[in-house]
Amino acid sequence: MTSKVQVQSVLRRLVTVWADFEGKLNKVDIIDRINRGKISIGEYRDILLNHRQQVVEGSRWIARAASSIEQPYLEQRATFLRHAATEQLDYKMLDEDFVNCGGDIGHISNGQKNIGSEALHAWMFHKASQKNPFDLLGAMFIIEGLGKNFAGNWVKKLEQNLNLKPNQTQFYRYHAEHDDDHIEKLENIMASGILNIAGLADQIVKTAKVTGRLYLLQLEEIGNV
């Protein structure tokens, strides 16, 4: 097992990375427009379309990471697989939100990754293909943190300023309500003994930094395929 001191040390470092990421996130044009109530329904559809490309791949890279986990970490591998299973159909909520906002299902189903999503996708699969890629907990901390810390506020802003109904914001509403549990699971994995792997704590933090930067790029390049 890993000591609470080790886990708390990594979490403090991740919170510092998150604070930097959060400050930059709020300056991204599309997020700033949501926060200021200046977003249009067409721009919201663009967010859903671009986000869908990342979400479709999410369960795939988690499953790939699980396949790269070897003994003696089989319990942790099982946790990764369960996580992948819970997220593999999340894209359907994005599809429904898109259609309920006036979009065409064929358009979102056949959408392409923007250039930021391409970079994020390549990074995640590169890391997931490494032996025992537990540094991806840093990536999950960033991605799941968005649901925990931002999705609920985005739903309120979008519904207030675009007069949206719950069936048009299902994806962000769901993650606002459930990503707290995912963060707790990440902490449990860190406490399971993996932080005794030499250098892993530093790798987790660096992976969080890189993932945060690429996630921002994905948002900055919405529509640029």
C-alpha atoms as a PDB file:
ATOM      1  CA  MET A   1       0.000   0.000   0.000  1.00  0.00           C
ATOM      2  CA  THR A   2       0.984   3.623  -0.487  1.00  0.00           C
ATOM      3  CA  SER A   3       1.113   5.964   2.494  1.00  0.00           C
ATOM      4  CA  LYS A   4      -1.395   8.791   2.802  1.00  0.00           C
ATOM      5  CA  VAL A   5       1.546  11.191   2.817  1.00  0.00           C
ATOM      6  CA  GLN A   6       2.620  10.006  -0.644  1.00  0.00           C
ATOM      7  CA  VAL A   7      -0.903  10.276  -2.048  1.00  0.00           C
ATOM      8  CA  GLN A   8      -1.502  13.721  -0.566  1.00  0.00           C
ATOM      9  CA  SER A   9       1.825  14.940  -1.931  1.00  0.00           C
ATOM     10  CA  VAL A  10       0.874  13.935  -5.479  1.00  0.00           C
ATOM     11  CA  LEU A  11      -2.621  15.389  -5.097  1.00  0.00           C
ATOM     12  CA  ARG A  12      -1.212  18.739  -3.952  1.00  0.00           C
ATOM     13  CA  ARG A  13       1.008  18.842  -7.014  1.00  0.00           C
ATOM     14  CA  LEU A  14      -1.930  17.929  -9.260  1.00  0.00           C
ATOM     15  CA  VAL A  15      -4.049  20.685  -7.717  1.00  0.00           C
ATOM     16  CA  THR A  16      -1.298  23.159  -8.635  1.00  0.00           C
ATOM     17  CA  VAL A  17      -1.355  21.860 -12.223  1.00  0.00           C
ATOM     18  CA  TRP A  18      -5.149  22.120 -12.210  1.00  0.00           C
ATOM     19  CA  ALA A  19      -5.072  25.744 -11.004  1.00  0.00           C
ATOM     20  CA  ASP A  20      -2.824  26.698 -13.921  1.00  0.00           C
ATOM     21  CA  PHE A  21      -5.032  24.756 -16.341  1.00  0.00           C
ATOM     22  CA  GLU A  22      -8.207  26.342 -14.969  1.00  0.00           C
ATOM     23  CA  GLY A  23      -6.853  29.857 -15.392  1.00  0.00           C
ATOM     24  CA  LYS A  24      -5.959  29.181 -19.024  1.00  0.00           C
ATOM     25  CA  LEU A  25      -9.229  27.342 -19.697  1.00  0.00           C
ATOM     26  CA  ASN A  26     -11.347  30.330 -18.728  1.00  0.00           C
ATOM     27  CA  LYS A  27      -9.410  32.456 -21.228  1.00  0.00           C
ATOM     28  CA  VAL A  28     -10.167  30.176 -24.192  1.00  0.00           C
ATOM     29  CA  ASP A  29     -12.603  32.091 -26.408  1.00  0.00           C
ATOM     30  CA  ILE A  30     -15.399  29.513 -26.512  1.00  0.00           C
ATOM     31  CA  ILE A  31     -15.303  28.966 -22.737  1.00  0.00           C
ATOM     32  CA  ASP A  32     -15.174  32.698 -22.094  1.00  0.00           C
ATOM     33  CA  ARG A  33     -18.268  33.063 -24.286  1.00  0.00           C
ATOM     34  CA  ILE A  34     -20.110  30.418 -22.255  1.00  0.00           C
ATOM     35  CA  ASN A  35     -19.166  32.146 -19.003  1.00  0.00           C
ATOM     36  CA  ARG A  36     -20.297  35.555 -20.293  1.00  0.00           C
ATOM     37  CA  GLY A  37     -23.537  34.245 -21.775  1.00  0.00           C
ATOM     38  CA  LYS A  38     -22.484  35.162 -25.305  1.00  0.00           C
ATOM     39  CA  ILE A  39     -22.549  31.730 -26.905  1.00  0.00           C
ATOM     40  CA  SER A  40     -24.981  30.950 -29.738  1.00  0.00           C
ATOM     41  CA  ILE A  41     -26.875  27.698 -30.298  1.00  0.00           C
ATOM     42  CA  GLY A  42     -24.715  27.059 -33.357  1.00  0.00           C
ATOM     43  CA  GLU A  43     -21.551  27.429 -31.296  1.00  0.00           C
ATOM     44  CA  TYR A  44     -22.952  25.047 -28.704  1.00  0.00           C
ATOM     45  CA  ARG A  45     -23.559  22.483 -31.446  1.00  0.00           C
ATOM     46  CA  ASP A  46     -19.959  22.995 -32.566  1.00  0.00           C
ATOM     47  CA  ILE A  47     -18.763  22.207 -29.034  1.00  0.00           C
ATOM     48  CA  LEU A  48     -20.847  19.021 -28.949  1.00  0.00           C
ATOM     49  CA  LEU A  49     -19.617  17.925 -32.370  1.00  0.00           C
ATOM     50  CA  ASN A  50     -15.953  18.521 -31.532  1.00  0.00           C
ATOM     51  CA  HIS A  51     -16.219  17.038 -28.040  1.00  0.00           C
ATOM     52  CA  ARG A  52     -17.809  13.876 -29.406  1.00  0.00           C
ATOM     53  CA  GLN A  53     -14.633  12.968 -31.269  1.00  0.00           C
ATOM     54  CA  GLN A  54     -12.655  12.965 -28.006  1.00  0.00           C
ATOM     55  CA  VAL A  55     -15.327  11.084 -26.055  1.00  0.00           C
ATOM     56  CA  VAL A  56     -15.598   8.287 -28.631  1.00  0.00           C
ATOM     57  CA  GLU A  57     -11.878   7.624 -28.162  1.00  0.00           C
ATOM     58  CA  GLY A  58     -11.889   7.951 -24.352  1.00  0.00           C
ATOM     59  CA  SER A  59     -12.945   4.424 -23.480  1.00  0.00           C
ATOM     60  CA  ARG A  60     -10.557   3.090 -26.140  1.00  0.00           C
ATOM     61  CA  TRP A  61      -7.427   4.608 -24.620  1.00  0.00           C
ATOM     62  CA  ILE A  62      -8.478   3.566 -21.124  1.00  0.00           C
ATOM     63  CA  ALA A  63      -8.969   0.007 -22.386  1.00  0.00           C
ATOM     64  CA  ARG A  64      -5.597   0.189 -24.157  1.00  0.00           C
ATOM     65  CA  ALA A  65      -3.998   1.320 -20.916  1.00  0.00           C
ATOM     66  CA  ALA A  66      -5.613  -1.607 -19.111  1.00  0.00           C
ATOM     67  CA  SER A  67      -4.184  -4.024 -21.671  1.00  0.00           C
ATOM     68  CA  SER A  68      -0.723  -2.577 -20.969  1.00  0.00           C
ATOM     69  CA  ILE A  69      -0.935  -3.234 -17.228  1.00  0.00           C
ATOM     70  CA  GLU A  70       0.963  -6.331 -16.120  1.00  0.00           C
ATOM     71  CA  GLN A  71       1.349  -8.328 -12.927  1.00  0.00           C
ATOM     72  CA  PRO A  72       1.357  -7.609 -10.041  1.00  0.00           C
ATOM     73  CA  TYR A  73      -1.172  -4.874 -10.831  1.00  0.00           C
ATOM     74  CA  LEU A  74      -4.142  -6.972 -11.968  1.00  0.00           C
ATOM     75  CA  GLU A  75      -6.588  -5.367  -9.534  1.00  0.00           C
ATOM     76  CA  GLN A  76      -5.678  -1.938 -10.897  1.00  0.00           C
ATOM     77  CA  ARG A  77      -6.127  -3.290 -14.430  1.00  0.00           C
ATOM     78  CA  ALA A  78      -9.638  -4.406 -13.515  1.00  0.00           C
ATOM     79  CA  THR A  79     -10.407  -0.890 -12.256  1.00  0.00           C
ATOM     80  CA  PHE A  80      -9.257   0.611 -15.557  1.00  0.00           C
ATOM     81  CA  LEU A  81     -11.452  -1.825 -17.476  1.00  0.00           C
ATOM     82  CA  ARG A  82     -14.494  -0.974 -15.371  1.00  0.00           C
ATOM     83  CA  HIS A  83     -13.835   2.713 -15.999  1.00  0.00           C
ATOM     84  CA  ALA A  84     -13.653   2.104 -19.749  1.00  0.00           C
ATOM     85  CA  ALA A  85     -16.935   0.190 -19.644  1.00  0.00           C
ATOM     86  CA  THR A  86     -18.773   3.014 -17.868  1.00  0.00           C
ATOM     87  CA  GLU A  87     -17.715   5.554 -20.507  1.00  0.00           C
ATOM     88  CA  GLN A  88     -17.921   3.648 -23.775  1.00  0.00           C
ATOM     89  CA  LEU A  89     -21.465   4.805 -24.631  1.00  0.00           C
ATOM     90  CA  ASP A  90     -21.216   8.376 -23.326  1.00  0.00           C
ATOM     91  CA  TYR A  91     -21.024   9.671 -26.903  1.00  0.00           C
ATOM     92  CA  LYS A  92     -24.698   8.765 -27.330  1.00  0.00           C
ATOM     93  CA  MET A  93     -25.651  11.547 -24.910  1.00  0.00           C
ATOM     94  CA  LEU A  94     -23.698  14.001 -27.058  1.00  0.00           C
ATOM     95  CA  ASP A  95     -25.494  12.710 -30.156  1.00  0.00           C
ATOM     96  CA  GLU A  96     -28.880  13.200 -28.520  1.00  0.00           C
ATOM     97  CA  ASP A  97     -27.999  16.678 -27.247  1.00  0.00           C
ATOM     98  CA  PHE A  98     -26.802  17.638 -30.741  1.00  0.00           C
ATOM     99  CA  VAL A  99     -29.969  16.416 -32.460  1.00  0.00           C
ATOM    100  CA  ASN A 100     -32.189  17.986 -29.787  1.00  0.00           C
ATOM    101  CA  CYS A 101     -30.441  21.287 -30.496  1.00  0.00           C
ATOM    102  CA  GLY A 102     -31.323  21.115 -34.183  1.00  0.00           C
ATOM    103  CA  GLY A 103     -28.300  19.229 -35.474  1.00  0.00           C
ATOM    104  CA  ASP A 104     -28.253  16.341 -37.940  1.00  0.00           C
ATOM    105  CA  ILE A 105     -27.232  12.936 -36.569  1.00  0.00           C
ATOM    106  CA  GLY A 106     -25.249  12.170 -39.703  1.00  0.00           C
ATOM    107  CA  HIS A 107     -23.225  15.342 -39.269  1.00  0.00           C
ATOM    108  CA  ILE A 108     -22.072  14.546 -35.746  1.00  0.00           C
ATOM    109  CA  SER A 109     -21.671  10.810 -36.416  1.00  0.00           C
ATOM    110  CA  ASN A 110     -19.333  11.496 -39.323  1.00  0.00           C
ATOM    111  CA  GLY A 111     -17.496  14.399 -37.716  1.00  0.00           C
ATOM    112  CA  GLN A 112     -13.708  14.583 -37.795  1.00  0.00           C
ATOM    113  CA  LYS A 113     -11.274  15.356 -35.000  1.00  0.00           C
ATOM    114  CA  ASN A 114     -10.046  18.924 -35.006  1.00  0.00           C
ATOM    115  CA  ILE A 115      -6.275  19.349 -35.008  1.00  0.00           C
ATOM    116  CA  GLY A 116      -6.187  19.727 -31.216  1.00  0.00           C
ATOM    117  CA  SER A 117      -8.203  16.530 -30.776  1.00  0.00           C
ATOM    118  CA  GLU A 118      -5.786  14.743 -33.112  1.00  0.00           C
ATOM    119  CA  ALA A 119      -2.870  15.775 -30.905  1.00  0.00           C
ATOM    120  CA  LEU A 120      -4.686  14.806 -27.686  1.00  0.00           C
ATOM    121  CA  HIS A 121      -5.750  11.466 -29.173  1.00  0.00           C
ATOM    122  CA  ALA A 122      -2.209  10.619 -30.307  1.00  0.00           C
ATOM    123  CA  TRP A 123      -0.776  11.552 -26.894  1.00  0.00           C
ATOM    124  CA  MET A 124      -3.271   9.477 -24.945  1.00  0.00           C
ATOM    125  CA  PHE A 125      -2.742   6.379 -27.077  1.00  0.00           C
ATOM    126  CA  HIS A 126       1.020   6.815 -26.950  1.00  0.00           C
ATOM    127  CA  LYS A 127       0.947   6.880 -23.150  1.00  0.00           C
ATOM    128  CA  ALA A 128      -1.626   4.074 -22.919  1.00  0.00           C
ATOM    129  CA  SER A 129       0.637   1.791 -24.950  1.00  0.00           C
ATOM    130  CA  GLN A 130       3.514   2.023 -22.474  1.00  0.00           C
ATOM    131  CA  LYS A 131       4.114  -0.695 -19.873  1.00  0.00           C
ATOM    132  CA  ASN A 132       2.030  -0.117 -16.711  1.00  0.00           C
ATOM    133  CA  PRO A 133       0.939   3.406 -17.770  1.00  0.00           C
ATOM    134  CA  PHE A 134      -0.241   4.596 -14.382  1.00  0.00           C
ATOM    135  CA  ASP A 135       0.922   8.121 -15.155  1.00  0.00           C
ATOM    136  CA  LEU A 136      -2.361   8.392 -17.077  1.00  0.00           C
ATOM    137  CA  LEU A 137      -3.958   9.042 -13.704  1.00  0.00           C
ATOM    138  CA  GLY A 138      -2.660  12.576 -14.237  1.00  0.00           C
ATOM    139  CA  ALA A 139      -4.560  12.784 -17.529  1.00  0.00           C
ATOM    140  CA  MET A 140      -7.698  11.448 -15.881  1.00  0.00           C
ATOM    141  CA  PHE A 141      -7.344  14.011 -13.102  1.00  0.00           C
ATOM    142  CA  ILE A 142      -7.565  16.778 -15.710  1.00  0.00           C
ATOM    143  CA  ILE A 143     -10.323  15.272 -17.844  1.00  0.00           C
ATOM    144  CA  GLU A 144     -12.523  14.073 -14.982  1.00  0.00           C
ATOM    145  CA  GLY A 145     -11.854  17.346 -13.180  1.00  0.00           C
ATOM    146  CA  LEU A 146     -13.627  19.187 -15.973  1.00  0.00           C
ATOM    147  CA  GLY A 147     -16.808  17.298 -15.212  1.00  0.00           C
ATOM    148  CA  LYS A 148     -16.437  17.759 -11.487  1.00  0.00           C
ATOM    149  CA  ASN A 149     -15.539  21.458 -11.526  1.00  0.00           C
ATOM    150  CA  PHE A 150     -16.988  22.941 -14.703  1.00  0.00           C
ATOM    151  CA  ALA A 151     -19.761  20.891 -16.293  1.00  0.00           C
ATOM    152  CA  GLY A 152     -22.427  21.891 -13.767  1.00  0.00           C
ATOM    153  CA  ASN A 153     -21.725  25.585 -14.206  1.00  0.00           C
ATOM    154  CA  TRP A 154     -21.709  25.217 -17.990  1.00  0.00           C
ATOM    155  CA  VAL A 155     -25.127  23.557 -17.870  1.00  0.00           C
ATOM    156  CA  LYS A 156     -26.548  26.441 -15.819  1.00  0.00           C
ATOM    157  CA  LYS A 157     -25.073  29.053 -18.156  1.00  0.00           C
ATOM    158  CA  LEU A 158     -26.192  27.262 -21.322  1.00  0.00           C
ATOM    159  CA  GLU A 159     -29.727  26.619 -20.093  1.00  0.00           C
ATOM    160  CA  GLN A 160     -30.050  30.164 -18.810  1.00  0.00           C
ATOM    161  CA  ASN A 161     -28.712  31.958 -21.880  1.00  0.00           C
ATOM    162  CA  LEU A 162     -29.938  29.666 -24.650  1.00  0.00           C
ATOM    163  CA  ASN A 163     -33.175  28.560 -22.974  1.00  0.00           C
ATOM    164  CA  LEU A 164     -32.065  24.947 -23.288  1.00  0.00           C
ATOM    165  CA  LYS A 165     -33.984  22.059 -21.784  1.00  0.00           C
ATOM    166  CA  PRO A 166     -32.493  19.122 -19.825  1.00  0.00           C
ATOM    167  CA  ASN A 167     -32.672  16.872 -22.909  1.00  0.00           C
ATOM    168  CA  GLN A 168     -30.277  19.270 -24.650  1.00  0.00           C
ATOM    169  CA  THR A 169     -27.575  19.229 -21.948  1.00  0.00           C
ATOM    170  CA  GLN A 170     -27.583  15.556 -20.926  1.00  0.00           C
ATOM    171  CA  PHE A 171     -23.868  14.915 -21.401  1.00  0.00           C
ATOM    172  CA  TYR A 172     -22.567  17.795 -19.286  1.00  0.00           C
ATOM    173  CA  ARG A 173     -25.266  17.293 -16.671  1.00  0.00           C
ATOM    174  CA  TYR A 174     -24.369  13.607 -16.315  1.00  0.00           C
ATOM    175  CA  HIS A 175     -20.658  14.322 -15.868  1.00  0.00           C
ATOM    176  CA  ALA A 176     -21.314  17.105 -13.386  1.00  0.00           C
ATOM    177  CA  GLU A 177     -23.148  14.558 -11.253  1.00  0.00           C
ATOM    178  CA  HIS A 178     -20.833  11.543 -11.658  1.00  0.00           C
ATOM    179  CA  ASP A 179     -17.228  12.653 -12.155  1.00  0.00           C
ATOM    180  CA  ASP A 180     -16.793  13.204  -8.420  1.00  0.00           C
ATOM    181  CA  ASP A 181     -16.917   9.411  -8.076  1.00  0.00           C
ATOM    182  CA  HIS A 182     -14.287   9.020 -10.793  1.00  0.00           C
ATOM    183  CA  ILE A 183     -11.860  11.350  -8.991  1.00  0.00           C
ATOM    184  CA  GLU A 184     -12.292   9.309  -5.815  1.00  0.00           C
ATOM    185  CA  LYS A 185     -11.458   6.133  -7.752  1.00  0.00           C
ATOM    186  CA  LEU A 186      -8.282   7.755  -9.084  1.00  0.00           C
ATOM    187  CA  GLU A 187      -7.219   8.541  -5.532  1.00  0.00           C
ATOM    188  CA  ASN A 188      -7.943   4.942  -4.517  1.00  0.00           C
ATOM    189  CA  ILE A 189      -5.713   3.636  -7.306  1.00  0.00           C
ATOM    190  CA  MET A 190      -2.892   5.916  -6.181  1.00  0.00           C
ATOM    191  CA  ALA A 191      -3.330   4.625  -2.630  1.00  0.00           C
ATOM    192  CA  SER A 192      -3.149   0.993  -3.786  1.00  0.00           C
ATOM    193  CA  GLY A 193       0.645   0.862  -3.884  1.00  0.00           C
ATOM    194  CA  ILE A 194       1.536   2.091  -7.364  1.00  0.00           C
ATOM    195  CA  LEU A 195       3.251   5.235  -6.047  1.00  0.00           C
ATOM    196  CA  ASN A 196       6.027   2.967  -4.845  1.00  0.00           C
ATOM    197  CA  ILE A 197       7.054   2.624  -8.511  1.00  0.00           C
ATOM    198  CA  ALA A 198      10.205   4.700  -8.934  1.00  0.00           C
ATOM    199  CA  GLY A 199       9.558   8.061 -10.569  1.00  0.00           C
ATOM    200  CA  LEU A 200       5.813   7.520 -11.033  1.00  0.00           C
ATOM    201  CA  ALA A 201       4.726  10.519  -8.960  1.00  0.00           C
ATOM    202  CA  ASP A 202       6.705  12.862 -11.214  1.00  0.00           C
ATOM    203  CA  GLN A 203       5.364  11.126 -14.326  1.00  0.00           C
ATOM    204  CA  ILE A 204       1.750  11.512 -13.148  1.00  0.00           C
ATOM    205  CA  VAL A 205       2.244  15.247 -12.685  1.00  0.00           C
ATOM    206  CA  LYS A 206       3.952  15.718 -16.060  1.00  0.00           C
ATOM    207  CA  THR A 207       1.261  13.724 -17.858  1.00  0.00           C
ATOM    208  CA  ALA A 208      -1.351  15.963 -16.240  1.00  0.00           C
ATOM    209  CA  LYS A 209       0.499  19.042 -17.523  1.00  0.00           C
ATOM    210  CA  VAL A 210       0.766  17.767 -21.091  1.00  0.00           C
ATOM    211  CA  THR A 211      -2.851  16.554 -21.153  1.00  0.00           C
ATOM    212  CA  GLY A 212      -4.077  19.913 -19.877  1.00  0.00           C
ATOM    213  CA  ARG A 213      -2.202  21.772 -22.606  1.00  0.00           C
ATOM    214  CA  LEU A 214      -3.511  19.478 -25.340  1.00  0.00           C
ATOM    215  CA  TYR A 215      -7.053  19.732 -23.981  1.00  0.00           C
ATOM    216  CA  LEU A 216      -6.819  23.505 -24.259  1.00  0.00           C
ATOM    217  CA  LEU A 217      -5.571  23.107 -27.818  1.00  0.00           C
ATOM    218  CA  GLN A 218      -8.607  20.983 -28.604  1.00  0.00           C
ATOM    219  CA  LEU A 219     -10.882  23.795 -27.439  1.00  0.00           C
ATOM    220  CA  GLU A 220      -8.836  26.476 -29.186  1.00  0.00           C
ATOM    221  CA  GLU A 221      -9.125  24.603 -32.497  1.00  0.00           C
ATOM    222  CA  ILE A 222     -12.858  23.900 -32.532  1.00  0.00           C
ATOM    223  CA  GLY A 223     -13.928  23.595 -36.164  1.00  0.00           C
ATOM    224  CA  ASN A 224     -10.367  23.438 -37.491  1.00  0.00           C
ATOM    225  CA  VAL A 225     -10.163  19.987 -39.077  1.00  0.00           C
END
